[in-house]
Amino acid sequence: MLKQRTLKSLTRAVGVGLHSGQRVEMTLRPAAPNTGIVFRRVDLPVPVDIPVRFDSVSETRMASTISPGGQPGGPKVQTIEHLMSACAGLGLDNLYVDITADEVPILDGSSASFVFLLQSAGIELQNAPKRFLKVTKTVEVREGEGARLIWARLEPHHGFKLTFQIDFNHPAVDATGQEVTFDMGSGRYKQEIARARTFGFTKDVEAMRSRGLTLGGSMDNAIVIDDYRVLNSDGLRYDDEIAKHKILDAIGDLYIAGAPLLAAYTSFRGGHALNNKLLRALLSDAGAYEYVTFEDETRAPSGFTELAPAW
């Protein structure tokens, strides 16, 4: 049987929120089978649990934000996608995330620090079958036309493969890889995707900060790009780091479904909002998906049966 996974012990991190700029403490704890991933706002007078589900998403402006029942104005946790991406990359099904503010710490701007934290705590198999969300027919969402067109698609696939194409029409970004395909069954999430950092443009900083965004952003936790070049002294971690970060985000956004996908995902210029719209389109069509388990591990997709190695 392909089993569910949680942590062996708890682990902690302290940092700042990318958008809020607030100091935040986060504790990652084991959870029982079939719990899923649950964020817990422990800073509130009465702690509030927010289970990760596609319909818990209440905001997708620059990040994925969840609230109880997806209600705007309720207690929230924002910028969950990098941690969710790390959980997907390591195959973690059940986890409590205790948090002392309304935003997951940005750490170094990638998911590599979360991978390190999770693997340091250890990963434990649980005596319950791992449940997958299998896409059984193609679902696509599109917005805009011409130069403004963006789209994302899920197709049936025995595994989980992602392809992302960027198009920023910017000299520094155009000089990097524009399209990335990554197969989660390769077992190379940590090496090929996890270190890709979030990015931003200096021309947008003033407008974003006036809207209460990127207040905690710096070259310590983001790729910063002016009109012509990358400003970080150490340059890029991958030749195609910007496209790979979009893959990293998509892995996290799609894991908000509440179960790992069996599908091929393709997107052109998509983002958090389109990814959630795609999940909602999928899960609103009962004929487009089914939940499956693998009592016989040999029938599972290649690469999904092995525990992630220790860091």
C-alpha atoms as a PDB file:
ATOM      1  CA  MET A   1       0.000   0.000   0.000  1.00  0.00           C
ATOM      2  CA  LEU A   2       1.223   3.492  -0.846  1.00  0.00           C
ATOM      3  CA  LYS A   3       0.913   5.181   2.551  1.00  0.00           C
ATOM      4  CA  GLN A   4       0.255   8.680   3.838  1.00  0.00           C
ATOM      5  CA  ARG A   5       3.117  10.700   5.334  1.00  0.00           C
ATOM      6  CA  THR A   6       3.581  13.128   8.195  1.00  0.00           C
ATOM      7  CA  LEU A   7       6.516  14.398  10.271  1.00  0.00           C
ATOM      8  CA  LYS A   8       8.345  12.350  12.901  1.00  0.00           C
ATOM      9  CA  SER A   9       8.802  15.376  15.195  1.00  0.00           C
ATOM     10  CA  LEU A  10       8.058  19.082  15.309  1.00  0.00           C
ATOM     11  CA  THR A  11      10.271  21.803  13.862  1.00  0.00           C
ATOM     12  CA  ARG A  12      10.218  25.598  14.032  1.00  0.00           C
ATOM     13  CA  ALA A  13      11.196  28.647  11.992  1.00  0.00           C
ATOM     14  CA  VAL A  14      11.190  32.397  12.617  1.00  0.00           C
ATOM     15  CA  GLY A  15      11.152  35.010   9.873  1.00  0.00           C
ATOM     16  CA  VAL A  16       9.236  37.894   8.326  1.00  0.00           C
ATOM     17  CA  GLY A  17       6.259  37.938   5.987  1.00  0.00           C
ATOM     18  CA  LEU A  18       7.091  39.007   2.429  1.00  0.00           C
ATOM     19  CA  HIS A  19       4.045  41.234   2.110  1.00  0.00           C
ATOM     20  CA  SER A  20       3.230  42.161   5.717  1.00  0.00           C
ATOM     21  CA  GLY A  21       6.821  42.661   6.905  1.00  0.00           C
ATOM     22  CA  GLN A  22       5.713  41.230  10.278  1.00  0.00           C
ATOM     23  CA  ARG A  23       7.870  38.936  12.391  1.00  0.00           C
ATOM     24  CA  VAL A  24       6.307  35.493  12.516  1.00  0.00           C
ATOM     25  CA  GLU A  25       7.041  32.241  14.339  1.00  0.00           C
ATOM     26  CA  MET A  26       5.959  29.007  12.722  1.00  0.00           C
ATOM     27  CA  THR A  27       5.837  25.510  14.231  1.00  0.00           C
ATOM     28  CA  LEU A  28       5.335  22.467  12.003  1.00  0.00           C
ATOM     29  CA  ARG A  29       3.817  19.477  13.836  1.00  0.00           C
ATOM     30  CA  PRO A  30       2.862  15.889  12.968  1.00  0.00           C
ATOM     31  CA  ALA A  31      -0.806  15.181  12.311  1.00  0.00           C
ATOM     32  CA  ALA A  32      -2.920  12.024  12.278  1.00  0.00           C
ATOM     33  CA  PRO A  33      -3.862  10.221   9.050  1.00  0.00           C
ATOM     34  CA  ASN A  34      -6.520  11.963   6.943  1.00  0.00           C
ATOM     35  CA  THR A  35      -5.991  15.291   8.744  1.00  0.00           C
ATOM     36  CA  GLY A  36      -4.583  17.043   5.687  1.00  0.00           C
ATOM     37  CA  ILE A  37      -2.544  20.211   6.070  1.00  0.00           C
ATOM     38  CA  VAL A  38      -4.064  22.601   8.610  1.00  0.00           C
ATOM     39  CA  PHE A  39      -2.848  26.103   9.452  1.00  0.00           C
ATOM     40  CA  ARG A  40      -3.571  27.266  13.004  1.00  0.00           C
ATOM     41  CA  ARG A  41      -3.529  30.972  13.928  1.00  0.00           C
ATOM     42  CA  VAL A  42      -2.240  30.634  17.509  1.00  0.00           C
ATOM     43  CA  ASP A  43      -1.846  34.418  17.964  1.00  0.00           C
ATOM     44  CA  LEU A  44      -5.599  35.012  18.116  1.00  0.00           C
ATOM     45  CA  PRO A  45      -7.510  35.103  21.460  1.00  0.00           C
ATOM     46  CA  VAL A  46      -9.140  31.839  20.408  1.00  0.00           C
ATOM     47  CA  PRO A  47      -6.892  29.881  18.017  1.00  0.00           C
ATOM     48  CA  VAL A  48      -8.449  29.344  14.587  1.00  0.00           C
ATOM     49  CA  ASP A  49      -7.818  26.290  12.399  1.00  0.00           C
ATOM     50  CA  ILE A  50      -7.819  26.795   8.619  1.00  0.00           C
ATOM     51  CA  PRO A  51      -7.704  23.503   6.688  1.00  0.00           C
ATOM     52  CA  VAL A  52      -6.042  23.777   3.279  1.00  0.00           C
ATOM     53  CA  ARG A  53      -8.710  23.270   0.593  1.00  0.00           C
ATOM     54  CA  PHE A  54      -9.279  24.784  -2.837  1.00  0.00           C
ATOM     55  CA  ASP A  55     -12.388  26.550  -1.530  1.00  0.00           C
ATOM     56  CA  SER A  56     -10.496  27.974   1.483  1.00  0.00           C
ATOM     57  CA  VAL A  57      -8.668  30.346  -0.871  1.00  0.00           C
ATOM     58  CA  SER A  58      -9.929  33.878  -0.204  1.00  0.00           C
ATOM     59  CA  GLU A  59      -7.332  36.033  -2.002  1.00  0.00           C
ATOM     60  CA  THR A  60      -4.898  35.453  -4.872  1.00  0.00           C
ATOM     61  CA  ARG A  61      -3.360  38.909  -5.315  1.00  0.00           C
ATOM     62  CA  MET A  62       0.412  38.267  -5.454  1.00  0.00           C
ATOM     63  CA  ALA A  63       0.081  35.146  -3.243  1.00  0.00           C
ATOM     64  CA  SER A  64      -2.333  32.399  -2.189  1.00  0.00           C
ATOM     65  CA  THR A  65      -4.279  33.279   0.963  1.00  0.00           C
ATOM     66  CA  ILE A  66      -6.677  31.008   2.853  1.00  0.00           C
ATOM     67  CA  SER A  67      -9.452  31.744   5.356  1.00  0.00           C
ATOM     68  CA  PRO A  68     -12.074  29.560   7.078  1.00  0.00           C
ATOM     69  CA  GLY A  69     -14.606  28.733   4.382  1.00  0.00           C
ATOM     70  CA  GLY A  70     -12.784  31.054   1.989  1.00  0.00           C
ATOM     71  CA  GLN A  71     -14.441  34.077   3.587  1.00  0.00           C
ATOM     72  CA  PRO A  72     -12.683  37.419   2.901  1.00  0.00           C
ATOM     73  CA  GLY A  73     -12.333  39.442   6.074  1.00  0.00           C
ATOM     74  CA  GLY A  74     -12.012  36.382   8.286  1.00  0.00           C
ATOM     75  CA  PRO A  75      -8.832  35.168   9.978  1.00  0.00           C
ATOM     76  CA  LYS A  76      -6.339  34.415   7.236  1.00  0.00           C
ATOM     77  CA  VAL A  77      -2.936  33.007   6.411  1.00  0.00           C
ATOM     78  CA  GLN A  78      -1.300  34.419   3.318  1.00  0.00           C
ATOM     79  CA  THR A  79       1.616  33.392   1.100  1.00  0.00           C
ATOM     80  CA  ILE A  80       1.198  29.674   1.789  1.00  0.00           C
ATOM     81  CA  GLU A  81       2.351  28.512  -1.655  1.00  0.00           C
ATOM     82  CA  HIS A  82       6.093  28.006  -0.969  1.00  0.00           C
ATOM     83  CA  LEU A  83       5.470  25.839   2.094  1.00  0.00           C
ATOM     84  CA  MET A  84       2.733  23.956   0.246  1.00  0.00           C
ATOM     85  CA  SER A  85       5.151  23.389  -2.630  1.00  0.00           C
ATOM     86  CA  ALA A  86       7.728  21.896  -0.237  1.00  0.00           C
ATOM     87  CA  CYS A  87       5.060  19.609   1.261  1.00  0.00           C
ATOM     88  CA  ALA A  88       4.088  18.444  -2.222  1.00  0.00           C
ATOM     89  CA  GLY A  89       7.727  17.929  -3.174  1.00  0.00           C
ATOM     90  CA  LEU A  90       8.258  15.680  -0.134  1.00  0.00           C
ATOM     91  CA  GLY A  91       4.889  13.940  -0.384  1.00  0.00           C
ATOM     92  CA  LEU A  92       3.622  15.121   3.020  1.00  0.00           C
ATOM     93  CA  ASP A  93      -0.095  14.552   3.494  1.00  0.00           C
ATOM     94  CA  ASN A  94      -0.764  15.494   7.120  1.00  0.00           C
ATOM     95  CA  LEU A  95       0.664  18.465   9.007  1.00  0.00           C
ATOM     96  CA  TYR A  96      -0.281  21.159  11.510  1.00  0.00           C
ATOM     97  CA  VAL A  97       1.250  24.587  10.926  1.00  0.00           C
ATOM     98  CA  ASP A  98       1.021  26.783  14.028  1.00  0.00           C
ATOM     99  CA  ILE A  99       1.640  30.407  13.091  1.00  0.00           C
ATOM    100  CA  THR A 100       1.812  33.642  15.122  1.00  0.00           C
ATOM    101  CA  ALA A 101       0.826  36.110  12.383  1.00  0.00           C
ATOM    102  CA  ASP A 102      -1.235  36.181   9.210  1.00  0.00           C
ATOM    103  CA  GLU A 103       1.587  35.272   6.809  1.00  0.00           C
ATOM    104  CA  VAL A 104       3.988  32.362   6.344  1.00  0.00           C
ATOM    105  CA  PRO A 105       7.603  33.595   6.706  1.00  0.00           C
ATOM    106  CA  ILE A 106       9.291  34.145   3.352  1.00  0.00           C
ATOM    107  CA  LEU A 107      12.710  32.871   4.569  1.00  0.00           C
ATOM    108  CA  ASP A 108      14.997  32.957   1.476  1.00  0.00           C
ATOM    109  CA  GLY A 109      12.153  33.403  -1.038  1.00  0.00           C
ATOM    110  CA  SER A 110      12.185  29.806  -2.263  1.00  0.00           C
ATOM    111  CA  SER A 111      10.927  26.508  -0.837  1.00  0.00           C
ATOM    112  CA  ALA A 112      14.413  25.127  -0.088  1.00  0.00           C
ATOM    113  CA  SER A 113      14.364  26.319   3.550  1.00  0.00           C
ATOM    114  CA  PHE A 114      10.996  24.618   4.092  1.00  0.00           C
ATOM    115  CA  VAL A 115      12.339  21.403   2.537  1.00  0.00           C
ATOM    116  CA  PHE A 116      15.269  21.561   4.961  1.00  0.00           C
ATOM    117  CA  LEU A 117      12.971  22.131   7.953  1.00  0.00           C
ATOM    118  CA  LEU A 118      10.635  19.298   7.014  1.00  0.00           C
ATOM    119  CA  GLN A 119      13.404  16.813   6.305  1.00  0.00           C
ATOM    120  CA  SER A 120      15.192  17.797   9.523  1.00  0.00           C
ATOM    121  CA  ALA A 121      12.046  16.818  11.450  1.00  0.00           C
ATOM    122  CA  GLY A 122      11.977  13.480   9.620  1.00  0.00           C
ATOM    123  CA  ILE A 123       9.242  11.979   7.488  1.00  0.00           C
ATOM    124  CA  GLU A 124       7.109   9.127   8.789  1.00  0.00           C
ATOM    125  CA  LEU A 125       4.876   6.665   6.964  1.00  0.00           C
ATOM    126  CA  GLN A 126       1.348   6.279   8.359  1.00  0.00           C
ATOM    127  CA  ASN A 127      -0.929   3.267   8.274  1.00  0.00           C
ATOM    128  CA  ALA A 128      -3.465   4.758   5.885  1.00  0.00           C
ATOM    129  CA  PRO A 129      -3.599   4.783   2.073  1.00  0.00           C
ATOM    130  CA  LYS A 130      -2.349   7.901   0.331  1.00  0.00           C
ATOM    131  CA  ARG A 131      -5.187   9.437  -1.668  1.00  0.00           C
ATOM    132  CA  PHE A 132      -4.587  11.073  -5.057  1.00  0.00           C
ATOM    133  CA  LEU A 133      -6.799  13.390  -7.094  1.00  0.00           C
ATOM    134  CA  LYS A 134      -6.765  11.843 -10.566  1.00  0.00           C
ATOM    135  CA  VAL A 135      -7.737  14.055 -13.506  1.00  0.00           C
ATOM    136  CA  THR A 136      -9.871  12.014 -15.919  1.00  0.00           C
ATOM    137  CA  LYS A 137     -10.574  14.590 -18.634  1.00  0.00           C
ATOM    138  CA  THR A 138      -8.986  17.826 -19.809  1.00  0.00           C
ATOM    139  CA  VAL A 139      -9.958  21.030 -17.989  1.00  0.00           C
ATOM    140  CA  GLU A 140      -8.762  24.438 -19.179  1.00  0.00           C
ATOM    141  CA  VAL A 141      -9.261  28.048 -18.099  1.00  0.00           C
ATOM    142  CA  ARG A 142      -8.388  31.090 -20.223  1.00  0.00           C
ATOM    143  CA  GLU A 143      -8.467  34.828 -19.648  1.00  0.00           C
ATOM    144  CA  GLY A 144      -7.824  37.783 -21.954  1.00  0.00           C
ATOM    145  CA  GLU A 145      -6.981  37.894 -25.624  1.00  0.00           C
ATOM    146  CA  GLY A 146      -3.957  38.611 -27.801  1.00  0.00           C
ATOM    147  CA  ALA A 147      -1.040  40.042 -25.806  1.00  0.00           C
ATOM    148  CA  ARG A 148      -3.114  39.746 -22.618  1.00  0.00           C
ATOM    149  CA  LEU A 149      -3.963  36.063 -23.038  1.00  0.00           C
ATOM    150  CA  ILE A 150      -3.191  33.734 -20.128  1.00  0.00           C
ATOM    151  CA  TRP A 151      -4.268  30.115 -19.765  1.00  0.00           C
ATOM    152  CA  ALA A 152      -3.787  26.963 -17.726  1.00  0.00           C
ATOM    153  CA  ARG A 153      -4.774  23.362 -18.362  1.00  0.00           C
ATOM    154  CA  LEU A 154      -4.940  19.999 -16.589  1.00  0.00           C
ATOM    155  CA  GLU A 155      -4.910  16.783 -18.637  1.00  0.00           C
ATOM    156  CA  PRO A 156      -5.030  13.091 -17.659  1.00  0.00           C
ATOM    157  CA  HIS A 157      -1.564  11.702 -16.878  1.00  0.00           C
ATOM    158  CA  HIS A 158      -0.273   8.768 -14.796  1.00  0.00           C
ATOM    159  CA  GLY A 159       1.970  10.932 -12.602  1.00  0.00           C
ATOM    160  CA  PHE A 160       2.366  14.669 -12.102  1.00  0.00           C
ATOM    161  CA  LYS A 161       4.130  16.704 -14.771  1.00  0.00           C
ATOM    162  CA  LEU A 162       4.200  20.497 -15.083  1.00  0.00           C
ATOM    163  CA  THR A 163       5.103  22.801 -17.968  1.00  0.00           C
ATOM    164  CA  PHE A 164       5.192  26.568 -17.578  1.00  0.00           C
ATOM    165  CA  GLN A 165       5.977  29.265 -20.137  1.00  0.00           C
ATOM    166  CA  ILE A 166       6.680  32.856 -19.113  1.00  0.00           C
ATOM    167  CA  ASP A 167       6.485  35.986 -21.298  1.00  0.00           C
ATOM    168  CA  PHE A 168       7.431  39.212 -19.511  1.00  0.00           C
ATOM    169  CA  ASN A 169       8.833  41.177 -22.488  1.00  0.00           C
ATOM    170  CA  HIS A 170      11.699  42.360 -20.289  1.00  0.00           C
ATOM    171  CA  PRO A 171      15.369  42.209 -21.364  1.00  0.00           C
ATOM    172  CA  ALA A 172      16.677  40.639 -18.156  1.00  0.00           C
ATOM    173  CA  VAL A 173      13.887  38.043 -18.020  1.00  0.00           C
ATOM    174  CA  ASP A 174      14.000  37.363 -21.763  1.00  0.00           C
ATOM    175  CA  ALA A 175      17.676  36.407 -21.351  1.00  0.00           C
ATOM    176  CA  THR A 176      16.666  33.516 -19.055  1.00  0.00           C
ATOM    177  CA  GLY A 177      14.908  30.249 -19.890  1.00  0.00           C
ATOM    178  CA  GLN A 178      11.313  30.933 -20.907  1.00  0.00           C
ATOM    179  CA  GLU A 179       9.822  27.462 -20.561  1.00  0.00           C
ATOM    180  CA  VAL A 180      10.351  24.708 -17.988  1.00  0.00           C
ATOM    181  CA  THR A 181       8.958  21.186 -17.824  1.00  0.00           C
ATOM    182  CA  PHE A 182       9.324  19.238 -14.592  1.00  0.00           C
ATOM    183  CA  ASP A 183       8.196  15.723 -13.690  1.00  0.00           C
ATOM    184  CA  MET A 184       7.525  15.218  -9.976  1.00  0.00           C
ATOM    185  CA  GLY A 185       8.218  11.510 -10.413  1.00  0.00           C
ATOM    186  CA  SER A 186      11.882  12.305 -11.139  1.00  0.00           C
ATOM    187  CA  GLY A 187      12.606  12.711  -7.418  1.00  0.00           C
ATOM    188  CA  ARG A 188      14.581  15.883  -8.216  1.00  0.00           C
ATOM    189  CA  TYR A 189      12.270  18.536  -6.744  1.00  0.00           C
ATOM    190  CA  LYS A 190      14.867  19.590  -4.165  1.00  0.00           C
ATOM    191  CA  GLN A 191      17.668  19.910  -6.702  1.00  0.00           C
ATOM    192  CA  GLU A 192      15.817  21.350  -9.701  1.00  0.00           C
ATOM    193  CA  ILE A 193      12.904  23.428  -8.339  1.00  0.00           C
ATOM    194  CA  ALA A 194      13.096  24.126  -4.593  1.00  0.00           C
ATOM    195  CA  ARG A 195      15.887  26.760  -4.740  1.00  0.00           C
ATOM    196  CA  ALA A 196      14.074  29.016  -7.251  1.00  0.00           C
ATOM    197  CA  ARG A 197      13.275  32.341  -5.547  1.00  0.00           C
ATOM    198  CA  THR A 198      10.366  34.700  -5.907  1.00  0.00           C
ATOM    199  CA  PHE A 199      11.097  37.798  -7.982  1.00  0.00           C
ATOM    200  CA  GLY A 200      10.005  41.389  -8.415  1.00  0.00           C
ATOM    201  CA  PHE A 201      10.663  44.507 -10.469  1.00  0.00           C
ATOM    202  CA  THR A 202      11.922  47.774  -9.002  1.00  0.00           C
ATOM    203  CA  LYS A 203       9.435  49.729 -11.145  1.00  0.00           C
ATOM    204  CA  ASP A 204       6.567  48.025  -9.291  1.00  0.00           C
ATOM    205  CA  VAL A 205       7.878  48.346  -5.727  1.00  0.00           C
ATOM    206  CA  GLU A 206       6.471  51.786  -4.855  1.00  0.00           C
ATOM    207  CA  ALA A 207       2.990  50.973  -6.161  1.00  0.00           C
ATOM    208  CA  MET A 208       2.946  47.596  -4.402  1.00  0.00           C
ATOM    209  CA  ARG A 209       4.072  49.008  -1.073  1.00  0.00           C
ATOM    210  CA  SER A 210       1.395  51.688  -1.258  1.00  0.00           C
ATOM    211  CA  ARG A 211      -1.090  48.773  -1.397  1.00  0.00           C
ATOM    212  CA  GLY A 212       0.500  47.071   1.620  1.00  0.00           C
ATOM    213  CA  LEU A 213       2.454  44.505  -0.425  1.00  0.00           C
ATOM    214  CA  THR A 214       6.144  43.419  -0.379  1.00  0.00           C
ATOM    215  CA  LEU A 215       6.785  45.313   2.896  1.00  0.00           C
ATOM    216  CA  GLY A 216       9.192  42.519   3.942  1.00  0.00           C
ATOM    217  CA  GLY A 217      10.837  42.044   0.550  1.00  0.00           C
ATOM    218  CA  SER A 218      14.577  42.488  -0.002  1.00  0.00           C
ATOM    219  CA  MET A 219      17.437  41.013  -1.996  1.00  0.00           C
ATOM    220  CA  ASP A 220      17.816  38.505   0.858  1.00  0.00           C
ATOM    221  CA  ASN A 221      14.511  36.871  -0.060  1.00  0.00           C
ATOM    222  CA  ALA A 222      13.790  37.772  -3.693  1.00  0.00           C
ATOM    223  CA  ILE A 223      15.307  38.270  -7.116  1.00  0.00           C
ATOM    224  CA  VAL A 224      15.159  42.024  -7.732  1.00  0.00           C
ATOM    225  CA  ILE A 225      15.151  43.234 -11.344  1.00  0.00           C
ATOM    226  CA  ASP A 226      15.448  46.829 -12.593  1.00  0.00           C
ATOM    227  CA  ASP A 227      14.688  47.952 -16.157  1.00  0.00           C
ATOM    228  CA  TYR A 228      17.661  46.065 -17.579  1.00  0.00           C
ATOM    229  CA  ARG A 229      19.235  43.529 -15.232  1.00  0.00           C
ATOM    230  CA  VAL A 230      19.106  41.365 -12.114  1.00  0.00           C
ATOM    231  CA  LEU A 231      20.426  43.434  -9.195  1.00  0.00           C
ATOM    232  CA  ASN A 232      21.312  40.581  -6.794  1.00  0.00           C
ATOM    233  CA  SER A 233      25.081  40.380  -6.471  1.00  0.00           C
ATOM    234  CA  ASP A 234      25.028  36.572  -6.638  1.00  0.00           C
ATOM    235  CA  GLY A 235      22.910  36.521  -9.805  1.00  0.00           C
ATOM    236  CA  LEU A 236      20.528  33.656 -10.511  1.00  0.00           C
ATOM    237  CA  ARG A 237      20.604  30.195  -8.931  1.00  0.00           C
ATOM    238  CA  TYR A 238      19.383  28.577 -12.173  1.00  0.00           C
ATOM    239  CA  ASP A 239      19.604  29.868 -15.751  1.00  0.00           C
ATOM    240  CA  ASP A 240      15.821  29.569 -15.846  1.00  0.00           C
ATOM    241  CA  GLU A 241      15.143  30.510 -12.206  1.00  0.00           C
ATOM    242  CA  ILE A 242      12.203  32.794 -12.958  1.00  0.00           C
ATOM    243  CA  ALA A 243      10.316  30.159 -14.955  1.00  0.00           C
ATOM    244  CA  LYS A 244      11.237  27.556 -12.325  1.00  0.00           C
ATOM    245  CA  HIS A 245       9.801  29.743  -9.575  1.00  0.00           C
ATOM    246  CA  LYS A 246       6.509  29.812 -11.488  1.00  0.00           C
ATOM    247  CA  ILE A 247       6.627  25.981 -11.485  1.00  0.00           C
ATOM    248  CA  LEU A 248       7.379  26.049  -7.727  1.00  0.00           C
ATOM    249  CA  ASP A 249       4.368  28.319  -7.149  1.00  0.00           C
ATOM    250  CA  ALA A 250       2.117  26.167  -9.332  1.00  0.00           C
ATOM    251  CA  ILE A 251       3.076  23.015  -7.399  1.00  0.00           C
ATOM    252  CA  GLY A 252       2.103  24.779  -4.157  1.00  0.00           C
ATOM    253  CA  ASP A 253      -1.081  26.314  -5.546  1.00  0.00           C
ATOM    254  CA  LEU A 254      -2.269  22.988  -6.957  1.00  0.00           C
ATOM    255  CA  TYR A 255      -1.515  21.140  -3.704  1.00  0.00           C
ATOM    256  CA  ILE A 256      -4.194  23.355  -2.158  1.00  0.00           C
ATOM    257  CA  ALA A 257      -6.590  20.877  -3.809  1.00  0.00           C
ATOM    258  CA  GLY A 258      -6.152  18.829  -0.622  1.00  0.00           C
ATOM    259  CA  ALA A 259      -4.530  15.841  -2.316  1.00  0.00           C
ATOM    260  CA  PRO A 260      -1.659  15.329  -4.764  1.00  0.00           C
ATOM    261  CA  LEU A 261      -2.727  15.515  -8.387  1.00  0.00           C
ATOM    262  CA  LEU A 262      -2.285  12.844 -11.027  1.00  0.00           C
ATOM    263  CA  ALA A 263      -2.290  15.106 -14.072  1.00  0.00           C
ATOM    264  CA  ALA A 264      -0.273  17.001 -16.628  1.00  0.00           C
ATOM    265  CA  TYR A 265      -0.407  20.750 -15.938  1.00  0.00           C
ATOM    266  CA  THR A 266       0.472  23.335 -18.581  1.00  0.00           C
ATOM    267  CA  SER A 267       0.297  27.107 -18.207  1.00  0.00           C
ATOM    268  CA  PHE A 268       1.110  30.177 -20.258  1.00  0.00           C
ATOM    269  CA  ARG A 269       1.689  33.306 -18.144  1.00  0.00           C
ATOM    270  CA  GLY A 270      -0.552  32.023 -15.345  1.00  0.00           C
ATOM    271  CA  GLY A 271      -0.348  32.770 -11.644  1.00  0.00           C
ATOM    272  CA  HIS A 272      -2.014  32.196  -8.281  1.00  0.00           C
ATOM    273  CA  ALA A 273      -5.462  33.420  -9.368  1.00  0.00           C
ATOM    274  CA  LEU A 274      -5.549  31.313 -12.528  1.00  0.00           C
ATOM    275  CA  ASN A 275      -4.268  28.237 -10.679  1.00  0.00           C
ATOM    276  CA  ASN A 276      -7.099  28.476  -8.159  1.00  0.00           C
ATOM    277  CA  LYS A 277      -9.603  29.117 -10.935  1.00  0.00           C
ATOM    278  CA  LEU A 278      -8.316  25.938 -12.633  1.00  0.00           C
ATOM    279  CA  LEU A 279      -8.770  23.898  -9.446  1.00  0.00           C
ATOM    280  CA  ARG A 280     -12.294  25.222  -8.979  1.00  0.00           C
ATOM    281  CA  ALA A 281     -13.138  24.377 -12.600  1.00  0.00           C
ATOM    282  CA  LEU A 282     -11.790  20.847 -12.129  1.00  0.00           C
ATOM    283  CA  LEU A 283     -13.567  20.168  -8.847  1.00  0.00           C
ATOM    284  CA  SER A 284     -16.875  21.641 -10.044  1.00  0.00           C
ATOM    285  CA  ASP A 285     -17.044  18.959 -12.761  1.00  0.00           C
ATOM    286  CA  ALA A 286     -17.684  15.568 -11.158  1.00  0.00           C
ATOM    287  CA  GLY A 287     -16.830  13.856 -14.437  1.00  0.00           C
ATOM    288  CA  ALA A 288     -13.348  15.398 -14.616  1.00  0.00           C
ATOM    289  CA  TYR A 289     -11.739  13.713 -11.624  1.00  0.00           C
ATOM    290  CA  GLU A 290     -11.778  10.819  -9.188  1.00  0.00           C
ATOM    291  CA  TYR A 291      -9.935   9.985  -5.974  1.00  0.00           C
ATOM    292  CA  VAL A 292      -7.676   6.931  -6.144  1.00  0.00           C
ATOM    293  CA  THR A 293      -5.375   4.968  -3.841  1.00  0.00           C
ATOM    294  CA  PHE A 294      -2.760   2.341  -4.610  1.00  0.00           C
ATOM    295  CA  GLU A 295      -3.078  -0.822  -2.533  1.00  0.00           C
ATOM    296  CA  ASP A 296      -0.377  -2.252  -4.816  1.00  0.00           C
ATOM    297  CA  GLU A 297       2.590   0.144  -4.853  1.00  0.00           C
ATOM    298  CA  THR A 298       3.761  -1.216  -8.210  1.00  0.00           C
ATOM    299  CA  ARG A 299       0.678   0.360  -9.814  1.00  0.00           C
ATOM    300  CA  ALA A 300       1.577   3.837  -8.521  1.00  0.00           C
ATOM    301  CA  PRO A 301       3.319   6.314 -10.835  1.00  0.00           C
ATOM    302  CA  SER A 302       7.086   5.965 -11.050  1.00  0.00           C
ATOM    303  CA  GLY A 303       8.923   7.881  -8.325  1.00  0.00           C
ATOM    304  CA  PHE A 304       5.982   8.198  -5.936  1.00  0.00           C
ATOM    305  CA  THR A 305       6.755   5.201  -3.744  1.00  0.00           C
ATOM    306  CA  GLU A 306      10.081   6.294  -2.258  1.00  0.00           C
ATOM    307  CA  LEU A 307      10.451   8.431   0.836  1.00  0.00           C
ATOM    308  CA  ALA A 308      12.394  11.621   0.258  1.00  0.00           C
ATOM    309  CA  PRO A 309      15.956  11.078   1.519  1.00  0.00           C
ATOM    310  CA  ALA A 310      17.273  12.899   4.574  1.00  0.00           C
ATOM    311  CA  TRP A 311      18.783  16.302   3.884  1.00  0.00           C
END
